[in-house]
Amino acid sequence: MKTEDLIAAIAADNQSRGAPMSRAFAVDLGAGFLVSAALFFATMGLRPTFFTSLGDPRFVFKFVFSLTMAASGFFLAWRLSRPGADPGFASKTVFLAPILVLLASLAEMAATPPSLWAARMIGHNAVHCLLAIPAMSLAPLAGLLVALRHGAPSNGRRAGAAAALAAAGLAATLYAMNCPDDSPFFLAVWYMIATSIVVGFGWLAGGRLLRW
């Protein structure tokens, strides 16, 4: 059997098992996120000003940014989960979060004196951010990698990177509930660096674990 025929056969088989595949994504990702949420509340918890900060657009934007990352990563991982799949528009959605944080940073520059830019970019918890987001990404990433093994993606590294983006977005959402730094400058630097670390790890892990 030719490789193209094998891929077509596996894809057809996966199409006929859409419901189990959906269930695998929901259960495995949900379990991983619950582990990370338990870790978050056990070690960090909500920041003292969480509820009063809900009226601050910069604080709310952190969740718009992180959830956009999570949704775009999940969408791409889902599209890549089947052999020979064409990600199509999903591959472009990963640029949404960077574009959002770039626009928010431009708005911050317009509203903030230049003398404050460096302080807001450095923030208070840069090192904590670089440690916490990757740590809380591990469980959701593991769940998504397990789910992806049900679908036999053709490009394991790309699928692993997409899964890692989704996991990093979920971890960033949790971390944002504790993080005292609300400036888009901080997000553009430290959240993005932390996410890049996770995506790099997912790319490597996907290449090893999603091979077939």
C-alpha atoms as a PDB file:
ATOM      1  CA  MET A   1       0.000   0.000   0.000  1.00  0.00           C
ATOM      2  CA  LYS A   2       1.317   3.447  -0.904  1.00  0.00           C
ATOM      3  CA  THR A   3       1.876   6.027   1.837  1.00  0.00           C
ATOM      4  CA  GLU A   4      -0.852   8.265   0.366  1.00  0.00           C
ATOM      5  CA  ASP A   5      -3.333   5.379   0.461  1.00  0.00           C
ATOM      6  CA  LEU A   6      -2.409   4.598   4.062  1.00  0.00           C
ATOM      7  CA  ILE A   7      -2.944   8.203   5.107  1.00  0.00           C
ATOM      8  CA  ALA A   8      -6.298   8.289   3.305  1.00  0.00           C
ATOM      9  CA  ALA A   9      -7.368   5.063   5.021  1.00  0.00           C
ATOM     10  CA  ILE A  10      -6.414   6.348   8.471  1.00  0.00           C
ATOM     11  CA  ALA A  11      -8.144   9.672   7.801  1.00  0.00           C
ATOM     12  CA  ALA A  12     -11.322   7.885   6.725  1.00  0.00           C
ATOM     13  CA  ASP A  13     -11.195   5.746   9.850  1.00  0.00           C
ATOM     14  CA  ASN A  14     -10.791   8.806  12.043  1.00  0.00           C
ATOM     15  CA  GLN A  15     -13.683  10.526  10.310  1.00  0.00           C
ATOM     16  CA  SER A  16     -15.896   7.608  11.271  1.00  0.00           C
ATOM     17  CA  ARG A  17     -14.789   7.962  14.892  1.00  0.00           C
ATOM     18  CA  GLY A  18     -15.471  11.696  15.289  1.00  0.00           C
ATOM     19  CA  ALA A  19     -17.390  11.383  18.537  1.00  0.00           C
ATOM     20  CA  PRO A  20     -14.676   9.377  20.376  1.00  0.00           C
ATOM     21  CA  MET A  21     -12.070  11.868  19.111  1.00  0.00           C
ATOM     22  CA  SER A  22     -14.093  14.799  20.426  1.00  0.00           C
ATOM     23  CA  ARG A  23     -14.538  13.015  23.721  1.00  0.00           C
ATOM     24  CA  ALA A  24     -10.806  12.314  23.953  1.00  0.00           C
ATOM     25  CA  PHE A  25      -9.989  16.006  23.470  1.00  0.00           C
ATOM     26  CA  ALA A  26     -12.591  17.118  25.997  1.00  0.00           C
ATOM     27  CA  VAL A  27     -11.721  14.536  28.661  1.00  0.00           C
ATOM     28  CA  ASP A  28      -7.935  14.637  28.340  1.00  0.00           C
ATOM     29  CA  LEU A  29      -7.667  18.427  28.115  1.00  0.00           C
ATOM     30  CA  GLY A  30     -10.256  18.872  30.869  1.00  0.00           C
ATOM     31  CA  ALA A  31      -8.373  16.535  33.190  1.00  0.00           C
ATOM     32  CA  GLY A  32      -5.092  18.327  32.498  1.00  0.00           C
ATOM     33  CA  PHE A  33      -6.621  21.742  33.122  1.00  0.00           C
ATOM     34  CA  LEU A  34      -8.147  20.577  36.418  1.00  0.00           C
ATOM     35  CA  VAL A  35      -4.700  19.441  37.570  1.00  0.00           C
ATOM     36  CA  SER A  36      -3.244  22.855  36.707  1.00  0.00           C
ATOM     37  CA  ALA A  37      -6.146  24.673  38.371  1.00  0.00           C
ATOM     38  CA  ALA A  38      -5.646  22.625  41.532  1.00  0.00           C
ATOM     39  CA  LEU A  39      -1.922  23.466  41.461  1.00  0.00           C
ATOM     40  CA  PHE A  40      -2.726  27.149  40.973  1.00  0.00           C
ATOM     41  CA  PHE A  41      -5.165  27.416  43.872  1.00  0.00           C
ATOM     42  CA  ALA A  42      -2.933  25.323  46.129  1.00  0.00           C
ATOM     43  CA  THR A  43       0.175  27.418  45.514  1.00  0.00           C
ATOM     44  CA  MET A  44      -0.946  30.884  44.381  1.00  0.00           C
ATOM     45  CA  GLY A  45      -4.654  31.622  44.376  1.00  0.00           C
ATOM     46  CA  LEU A  46      -6.457  34.783  43.335  1.00  0.00           C
ATOM     47  CA  ARG A  47      -4.725  38.067  43.907  1.00  0.00           C
ATOM     48  CA  PRO A  48      -6.295  40.168  46.712  1.00  0.00           C
ATOM     49  CA  THR A  49      -7.634  42.764  44.246  1.00  0.00           C
ATOM     50  CA  PHE A  50      -9.053  40.228  41.792  1.00  0.00           C
ATOM     51  CA  PHE A  51     -12.729  41.217  42.022  1.00  0.00           C
ATOM     52  CA  THR A  52     -12.149  44.960  42.237  1.00  0.00           C
ATOM     53  CA  SER A  53      -9.799  44.740  39.231  1.00  0.00           C
ATOM     54  CA  LEU A  54     -12.551  43.350  37.010  1.00  0.00           C
ATOM     55  CA  GLY A  55     -13.482  46.938  36.213  1.00  0.00           C
ATOM     56  CA  ASP A  56      -9.992  47.681  34.866  1.00  0.00           C
ATOM     57  CA  PRO A  57      -9.814  47.152  31.074  1.00  0.00           C
ATOM     58  CA  ARG A  58      -6.111  46.271  31.273  1.00  0.00           C
ATOM     59  CA  PHE A  59      -6.810  43.504  33.773  1.00  0.00           C
ATOM     60  CA  VAL A  60      -9.674  42.109  31.674  1.00  0.00           C
ATOM     61  CA  PHE A  61      -7.517  42.279  28.550  1.00  0.00           C
ATOM     62  CA  LYS A  62      -5.087  39.765  30.088  1.00  0.00           C
ATOM     63  CA  PHE A  63      -7.833  37.135  29.891  1.00  0.00           C
ATOM     64  CA  VAL A  64      -8.860  38.153  26.377  1.00  0.00           C
ATOM     65  CA  PHE A  65      -5.233  37.709  25.350  1.00  0.00           C
ATOM     66  CA  SER A  66      -4.622  34.392  27.117  1.00  0.00           C
ATOM     67  CA  LEU A  67      -7.925  32.813  26.100  1.00  0.00           C
ATOM     68  CA  THR A  68      -7.333  33.856  22.488  1.00  0.00           C
ATOM     69  CA  MET A  69      -4.023  31.979  22.648  1.00  0.00           C
ATOM     70  CA  ALA A  70      -5.729  28.947  24.130  1.00  0.00           C
ATOM     71  CA  ALA A  71      -8.561  28.931  21.592  1.00  0.00           C
ATOM     72  CA  SER A  72      -6.315  29.410  18.553  1.00  0.00           C
ATOM     73  CA  GLY A  73      -3.907  26.700  19.726  1.00  0.00           C
ATOM     74  CA  PHE A  74      -6.729  24.277  20.396  1.00  0.00           C
ATOM     75  CA  PHE A  75      -8.358  25.012  17.039  1.00  0.00           C
ATOM     76  CA  LEU A  76      -5.101  24.372  15.197  1.00  0.00           C
ATOM     77  CA  ALA A  77      -4.326  21.209  17.201  1.00  0.00           C
ATOM     78  CA  TRP A  78      -7.792  19.896  16.408  1.00  0.00           C
ATOM     79  CA  ARG A  79      -7.376  20.570  12.690  1.00  0.00           C
ATOM     80  CA  LEU A  80      -3.950  18.899  12.699  1.00  0.00           C
ATOM     81  CA  SER A  81      -5.102  15.865  14.661  1.00  0.00           C
ATOM     82  CA  ARG A  82      -6.019  13.822  11.596  1.00  0.00           C
ATOM     83  CA  PRO A  83      -3.514  12.436   9.078  1.00  0.00           C
ATOM     84  CA  GLY A  84      -3.147  14.495   5.935  1.00  0.00           C
ATOM     85  CA  ALA A  85      -5.333  17.288   7.369  1.00  0.00           C
ATOM     86  CA  ASP A  86      -5.141  20.784   5.905  1.00  0.00           C
ATOM     87  CA  PRO A  87      -5.174  23.277   8.827  1.00  0.00           C
ATOM     88  CA  GLY A  88      -6.512  26.009   6.549  1.00  0.00           C
ATOM     89  CA  PHE A  89      -7.653  29.134   8.395  1.00  0.00           C
ATOM     90  CA  ALA A  90      -6.696  27.595  11.746  1.00  0.00           C
ATOM     91  CA  SER A  91      -3.008  28.156  11.021  1.00  0.00           C
ATOM     92  CA  LYS A  92      -3.641  31.898  10.745  1.00  0.00           C
ATOM     93  CA  THR A  93      -5.565  32.226  14.016  1.00  0.00           C
ATOM     94  CA  VAL A  94      -2.347  31.771  16.023  1.00  0.00           C
ATOM     95  CA  PHE A  95      -1.444  35.343  15.045  1.00  0.00           C
ATOM     96  CA  LEU A  96      -4.549  36.786  16.727  1.00  0.00           C
ATOM     97  CA  ALA A  97      -3.121  36.936  20.266  1.00  0.00           C
ATOM     98  CA  PRO A  98       0.175  38.594  19.204  1.00  0.00           C
ATOM     99  CA  ILE A  99      -1.755  41.132  17.135  1.00  0.00           C
ATOM    100  CA  LEU A 100      -4.051  41.882  20.078  1.00  0.00           C
ATOM    101  CA  VAL A 101      -1.180  42.426  22.493  1.00  0.00           C
ATOM    102  CA  LEU A 102       0.630  44.585  19.931  1.00  0.00           C
ATOM    103  CA  LEU A 103      -2.432  46.809  19.516  1.00  0.00           C
ATOM    104  CA  ALA A 104      -2.905  46.975  23.301  1.00  0.00           C
ATOM    105  CA  SER A 105       0.760  47.935  23.715  1.00  0.00           C
ATOM    106  CA  LEU A 106       0.358  50.750  21.187  1.00  0.00           C
ATOM    107  CA  ALA A 107      -2.671  51.976  23.135  1.00  0.00           C
ATOM    108  CA  GLU A 108      -0.639  51.779  26.355  1.00  0.00           C
ATOM    109  CA  MET A 109       2.141  53.826  24.756  1.00  0.00           C
ATOM    110  CA  ALA A 110      -0.359  56.486  23.753  1.00  0.00           C
ATOM    111  CA  ALA A 111      -1.876  56.650  27.246  1.00  0.00           C
ATOM    112  CA  THR A 112       1.274  56.330  29.374  1.00  0.00           C
ATOM    113  CA  PRO A 113       4.271  58.694  29.752  1.00  0.00           C
ATOM    114  CA  PRO A 114       7.442  57.225  28.216  1.00  0.00           C
ATOM    115  CA  SER A 115       9.146  57.445  31.603  1.00  0.00           C
ATOM    116  CA  LEU A 116       6.874  54.625  32.838  1.00  0.00           C
ATOM    117  CA  TRP A 117       7.269  52.249  29.902  1.00  0.00           C
ATOM    118  CA  ALA A 118      10.344  50.403  31.167  1.00  0.00           C
ATOM    119  CA  ALA A 119       8.931  49.939  34.671  1.00  0.00           C
ATOM    120  CA  ARG A 120       5.670  48.544  33.335  1.00  0.00           C
ATOM    121  CA  MET A 121       7.468  46.218  30.970  1.00  0.00           C
ATOM    122  CA  ILE A 122       9.759  44.852  33.708  1.00  0.00           C
ATOM    123  CA  GLY A 123       6.902  44.613  36.207  1.00  0.00           C
ATOM    124  CA  HIS A 124       7.130  42.916  39.590  1.00  0.00           C
ATOM    125  CA  ASN A 125       7.018  39.191  38.856  1.00  0.00           C
ATOM    126  CA  ALA A 126       8.873  38.513  35.616  1.00  0.00           C
ATOM    127  CA  VAL A 127      10.789  35.483  36.913  1.00  0.00           C
ATOM    128  CA  HIS A 128       7.665  34.103  38.581  1.00  0.00           C
ATOM    129  CA  CYS A 129       5.811  34.429  35.284  1.00  0.00           C
ATOM    130  CA  LEU A 130       8.542  32.560  33.389  1.00  0.00           C
ATOM    131  CA  LEU A 131       8.352  29.704  35.888  1.00  0.00           C
ATOM    132  CA  ALA A 132       4.622  29.547  36.619  1.00  0.00           C
ATOM    133  CA  ILE A 133       3.191  29.523  33.093  1.00  0.00           C
ATOM    134  CA  PRO A 134       5.388  26.654  31.815  1.00  0.00           C
ATOM    135  CA  ALA A 135       4.808  24.686  35.030  1.00  0.00           C
ATOM    136  CA  MET A 136       1.031  25.024  34.815  1.00  0.00           C
ATOM    137  CA  SER A 137       1.125  24.186  31.094  1.00  0.00           C
ATOM    138  CA  LEU A 138       2.502  20.691  31.619  1.00  0.00           C
ATOM    139  CA  ALA A 139      -0.723  18.929  32.620  1.00  0.00           C
ATOM    140  CA  PRO A 140      -2.954  20.401  29.865  1.00  0.00           C
ATOM    141  CA  LEU A 141      -0.189  19.798  27.318  1.00  0.00           C
ATOM    142  CA  ALA A 142       0.110  16.171  28.412  1.00  0.00           C
ATOM    143  CA  GLY A 143      -3.673  15.807  28.091  1.00  0.00           C
ATOM    144  CA  LEU A 144      -3.696  17.235  24.577  1.00  0.00           C
ATOM    145  CA  LEU A 145      -0.777  15.066  23.474  1.00  0.00           C
ATOM    146  CA  VAL A 146      -2.643  11.997  24.722  1.00  0.00           C
ATOM    147  CA  ALA A 147      -5.735  13.137  22.806  1.00  0.00           C
ATOM    148  CA  LEU A 148      -3.698  13.766  19.649  1.00  0.00           C
ATOM    149  CA  ARG A 149      -2.414  10.197  19.723  1.00  0.00           C
ATOM    150  CA  HIS A 150      -6.006   9.117  19.004  1.00  0.00           C
ATOM    151  CA  GLY A 151      -5.886  10.978  15.708  1.00  0.00           C
ATOM    152  CA  ALA A 152      -2.403  10.189  14.308  1.00  0.00           C
ATOM    153  CA  PRO A 153      -1.437  13.673  13.043  1.00  0.00           C
ATOM    154  CA  SER A 154       0.865  13.696  10.020  1.00  0.00           C
ATOM    155  CA  ASN A 155       3.111  16.416  11.457  1.00  0.00           C
ATOM    156  CA  GLY A 156       3.686  15.550  15.099  1.00  0.00           C
ATOM    157  CA  ARG A 157       5.928  18.519  15.816  1.00  0.00           C
ATOM    158  CA  ARG A 158       3.469  21.041  14.435  1.00  0.00           C
ATOM    159  CA  ALA A 159       0.562  19.404  16.258  1.00  0.00           C
ATOM    160  CA  GLY A 160       2.606  19.337  19.473  1.00  0.00           C
ATOM    161  CA  ALA A 161       3.428  23.029  19.126  1.00  0.00           C
ATOM    162  CA  ALA A 162      -0.252  23.852  18.570  1.00  0.00           C
ATOM    163  CA  ALA A 163      -1.212  21.817  21.631  1.00  0.00           C
ATOM    164  CA  ALA A 164       1.454  23.646  23.613  1.00  0.00           C
ATOM    165  CA  LEU A 165       0.046  27.019  22.553  1.00  0.00           C
ATOM    166  CA  ALA A 166      -3.373  25.949  23.821  1.00  0.00           C
ATOM    167  CA  ALA A 167      -1.869  24.690  27.078  1.00  0.00           C
ATOM    168  CA  ALA A 168       0.167  27.877  27.565  1.00  0.00           C
ATOM    169  CA  GLY A 169      -2.947  29.982  26.974  1.00  0.00           C
ATOM    170  CA  LEU A 170      -4.840  28.077  29.671  1.00  0.00           C
ATOM    171  CA  ALA A 171      -1.888  28.330  32.059  1.00  0.00           C
ATOM    172  CA  ALA A 172      -1.581  32.057  31.352  1.00  0.00           C
ATOM    173  CA  THR A 173      -5.285  32.472  32.116  1.00  0.00           C
ATOM    174  CA  LEU A 174      -4.750  30.900  35.528  1.00  0.00           C
ATOM    175  CA  TYR A 175      -1.592  32.872  36.202  1.00  0.00           C
ATOM    176  CA  ALA A 176      -3.269  36.145  35.191  1.00  0.00           C
ATOM    177  CA  MET A 177      -5.660  35.738  38.118  1.00  0.00           C
ATOM    178  CA  ASN A 178      -2.717  36.098  40.491  1.00  0.00           C
ATOM    179  CA  CYS A 179      -0.271  38.236  38.508  1.00  0.00           C
ATOM    180  CA  PRO A 180      -0.098  41.867  39.765  1.00  0.00           C
ATOM    181  CA  ASP A 181       1.242  43.134  36.431  1.00  0.00           C
ATOM    182  CA  ASP A 182      -1.558  44.247  34.116  1.00  0.00           C
ATOM    183  CA  SER A 183       0.326  46.265  31.514  1.00  0.00           C
ATOM    184  CA  PRO A 184       0.219  45.014  27.917  1.00  0.00           C
ATOM    185  CA  PHE A 185       3.973  45.696  27.880  1.00  0.00           C
ATOM    186  CA  PHE A 186       4.424  42.962  30.498  1.00  0.00           C
ATOM    187  CA  LEU A 187       2.240  40.568  28.506  1.00  0.00           C
ATOM    188  CA  ALA A 188       4.065  41.295  25.268  1.00  0.00           C
ATOM    189  CA  VAL A 189       7.425  40.410  26.815  1.00  0.00           C
ATOM    190  CA  TRP A 190       7.117  37.942  29.680  1.00  0.00           C
ATOM    191  CA  TYR A 191       3.895  36.100  28.836  1.00  0.00           C
ATOM    192  CA  MET A 192       5.100  35.715  25.267  1.00  0.00           C
ATOM    193  CA  ILE A 193       8.534  34.445  26.346  1.00  0.00           C
ATOM    194  CA  ALA A 194       6.907  31.935  28.711  1.00  0.00           C
ATOM    195  CA  THR A 195       4.570  30.819  25.927  1.00  0.00           C
ATOM    196  CA  SER A 196       7.486  30.431  23.521  1.00  0.00           C
ATOM    197  CA  ILE A 197       9.213  28.138  26.019  1.00  0.00           C
ATOM    198  CA  VAL A 198       6.102  25.946  26.222  1.00  0.00           C
ATOM    199  CA  VAL A 199       5.604  25.907  22.440  1.00  0.00           C
ATOM    200  CA  GLY A 200       9.233  24.883  21.921  1.00  0.00           C
ATOM    201  CA  PHE A 201       8.815  22.055  24.390  1.00  0.00           C
ATOM    202  CA  GLY A 202       5.566  20.982  22.704  1.00  0.00           C
ATOM    203  CA  TRP A 203       7.267  20.978  19.317  1.00  0.00           C
ATOM    204  CA  LEU A 204       9.985  18.656  20.621  1.00  0.00           C
ATOM    205  CA  ALA A 205       7.556  16.440  22.539  1.00  0.00           C
ATOM    206  CA  GLY A 206       5.194  16.172  19.586  1.00  0.00           C
ATOM    207  CA  GLY A 207       8.026  15.058  17.342  1.00  0.00           C
ATOM    208  CA  ARG A 208       8.799  12.179  19.713  1.00  0.00           C
ATOM    209  CA  LEU A 209       5.376  11.204  21.025  1.00  0.00           C
ATOM    210  CA  LEU A 210       3.167  11.679  17.961  1.00  0.00           C
ATOM    211  CA  ARG A 211       5.301   9.705  15.519  1.00  0.00           C
ATOM    212  CA  TRP A 212       3.599   6.910  13.564  1.00  0.00           C
END
